[in-house]
Amino acid sequence: MGKMGGKYGSWKKSLRTAGMVTTVSLIFLDTSYRTMDSSLGHDDL
């Protein structure tokens, strides 16, 4: 039982880390696209 609990805990931890990484990546991409749009001077999206 203890083994399963530890396994589940680490799984949750890695899942949370993945979520944080995804969020940061999305924010970074969004910022990059906005910067590209403003520098190009037109938005066709």
N, C-alpha and C. Protein backbone atom coordinates (compact mmCIF):
# COMPACT_ATOMS: atom_id res chain seq x y z
N MET A 1 0.84 -1.20 0.00
CA MET A 1 0.00 0.00 0.00
C MET A 1 0.88 1.26 0.00
N GLY A 2 1.93 1.23 0.83
CA GLY A 2 2.83 2.37 0.90
C GLY A 2 3.49 2.63 -0.45
N LYS A 3 3.86 1.54 -1.13
CA LYS A 3 4.50 1.68 -2.45
C LYS A 3 3.57 2.39 -3.43
N MET A 4 2.31 1.95 -3.44
CA MET A 4 1.34 2.55 -4.36
C MET A 4 1.17 4.04 -4.07
N GLY A 5 1.10 4.38 -2.78
CA GLY A 5 0.92 5.78 -2.39
C GLY A 5 2.07 6.64 -2.90
N GLY A 6 3.31 6.15 -2.72
CA GLY A 6 4.47 6.90 -3.17
C GLY A 6 4.46 7.05 -4.68
N LYS A 7 4.09 5.96 -5.36
CA LYS A 7 4.04 5.99 -6.83
C LYS A 7 3.02 7.04 -7.29
N TYR A 8 1.85 7.02 -6.66
CA TYR A 8 0.79 7.96 -7.02
C TYR A 8 1.23 9.39 -6.75
N GLY A 9 1.93 9.58 -5.62
CA GLY A 9 2.39 10.92 -5.26
C GLY A 9 3.35 11.48 -6.29
N SER A 10 4.31 10.66 -6.70
CA SER A 10 5.30 11.13 -7.69
C SER A 10 4.62 11.37 -9.03
N TRP A 11 3.59 10.54 -9.34
CA TRP A 11 2.86 10.72 -10.61
C TRP A 11 2.13 12.06 -10.60
N LYS A 12 1.50 12.37 -9.46
CA LYS A 12 0.80 13.65 -9.35
C LYS A 12 1.78 14.81 -9.47
N LYS A 13 2.96 14.63 -8.86
CA LYS A 13 3.98 15.68 -8.88
C LYS A 13 4.43 15.94 -10.32
N SER A 14 4.71 14.86 -11.05
CA SER A 14 5.18 15.02 -12.43
C SER A 14 4.07 15.62 -13.30
N LEU A 15 2.82 15.25 -12.99
CA LEU A 15 1.69 15.77 -13.75
C LEU A 15 1.59 17.28 -13.53
N ARG A 16 1.76 17.70 -12.27
CA ARG A 16 1.69 19.13 -11.95
C ARG A 16 2.83 19.88 -12.64
N THR A 17 4.01 19.27 -12.65
CA THR A 17 5.17 19.89 -13.31
C THR A 17 4.89 20.04 -14.80
N ALA A 18 4.31 18.99 -15.40
CA ALA A 18 4.00 19.02 -16.84
C ALA A 18 3.00 20.14 -17.12
N GLY A 19 2.03 20.29 -16.22
CA GLY A 19 1.03 21.34 -16.39
C GLY A 19 1.66 22.72 -16.35
N MET A 20 2.60 22.91 -15.41
CA MET A 20 3.28 24.19 -15.29
C MET A 20 4.09 24.48 -16.55
N VAL A 21 4.81 23.46 -17.03
CA VAL A 21 5.63 23.62 -18.23
C VAL A 21 4.75 23.98 -19.43
N THR A 22 3.60 23.29 -19.54
CA THR A 22 2.69 23.56 -20.65
C THR A 22 2.17 24.99 -20.59
N THR A 23 1.79 25.43 -19.38
CA THR A 23 1.28 26.79 -19.21
C THR A 23 2.33 27.81 -19.62
N VAL A 24 3.55 27.62 -19.13
CA VAL A 24 4.64 28.55 -19.45
C VAL A 24 4.90 28.57 -20.95
N SER A 25 4.87 27.38 -21.57
CA SER A 25 5.13 27.28 -23.01
C SER A 25 4.05 28.03 -23.79
N LEU A 26 2.78 27.85 -23.37
CA LEU A 26 1.68 28.52 -24.06
C LEU A 26 1.81 30.04 -23.94
N ILE A 27 2.15 30.51 -22.74
CA ILE A 27 2.31 31.95 -22.53
C ILE A 27 3.45 32.47 -23.40
N PHE A 28 4.55 31.70 -23.43
CA PHE A 28 5.72 32.11 -24.22
C PHE A 28 5.36 32.18 -25.70
N LEU A 29 4.65 31.15 -26.19
CA LEU A 29 4.26 31.12 -27.60
C LEU A 29 3.32 32.28 -27.92
N ASP A 30 2.36 32.53 -27.02
CA ASP A 30 1.41 33.62 -27.23
C ASP A 30 2.15 34.95 -27.33
N THR A 31 3.10 35.16 -26.44
CA THR A 31 3.89 36.40 -26.45
C THR A 31 4.68 36.51 -27.75
N SER A 32 5.27 35.39 -28.18
CA SER A 32 6.08 35.39 -29.40
C SER A 32 5.21 35.75 -30.61
N TYR A 33 4.01 35.15 -30.68
CA TYR A 33 3.12 35.42 -31.81
C TYR A 33 2.69 36.88 -31.81
N ARG A 34 2.39 37.42 -30.63
CA ARG A 34 1.98 38.82 -30.54
C ARG A 34 3.11 39.73 -31.01
N THR A 35 4.34 39.41 -30.61
CA THR A 35 5.50 40.21 -30.99
C THR A 35 5.70 40.15 -32.50
N MET A 36 5.58 38.94 -33.07
CA MET A 36 5.73 38.78 -34.52
C MET A 36 4.66 39.58 -35.25
N ASP A 37 3.42 39.50 -34.76
CA ASP A 37 2.31 40.21 -35.39
C ASP A 37 2.57 41.71 -35.42
N SER A 38 2.96 42.26 -34.28
CA SER A 38 3.17 43.71 -34.21
C SER A 38 4.37 44.13 -35.06
N SER A 39 5.39 43.29 -35.14
CA SER A 39 6.57 43.65 -35.93
C SER A 39 6.26 43.55 -37.43
N LEU A 40 5.39 42.61 -37.80
CA LEU A 40 5.03 42.45 -39.21
C LEU A 40 4.07 43.56 -39.63
N GLY A 41 3.25 44.02 -38.70
CA GLY A 41 2.35 45.13 -39.00
C GLY A 41 1.01 44.67 -39.54
N HIS A 42 0.74 43.38 -39.55
CA HIS A 42 -0.56 42.90 -40.01
C HIS A 42 -0.89 41.59 -39.32
N ASP A 43 -2.19 41.36 -39.09
CA ASP A 43 -2.61 40.11 -38.45
C ASP A 43 -3.65 39.43 -39.34
N ASP A 44 -3.30 38.29 -39.88
CA ASP A 44 -4.21 37.56 -40.76
C ASP A 44 -4.74 36.32 -40.07
N LEU A 45 -4.72 36.34 -38.72
CA LEU A 45 -5.24 35.18 -37.98
C LEU A 45 -6.70 35.41 -37.65
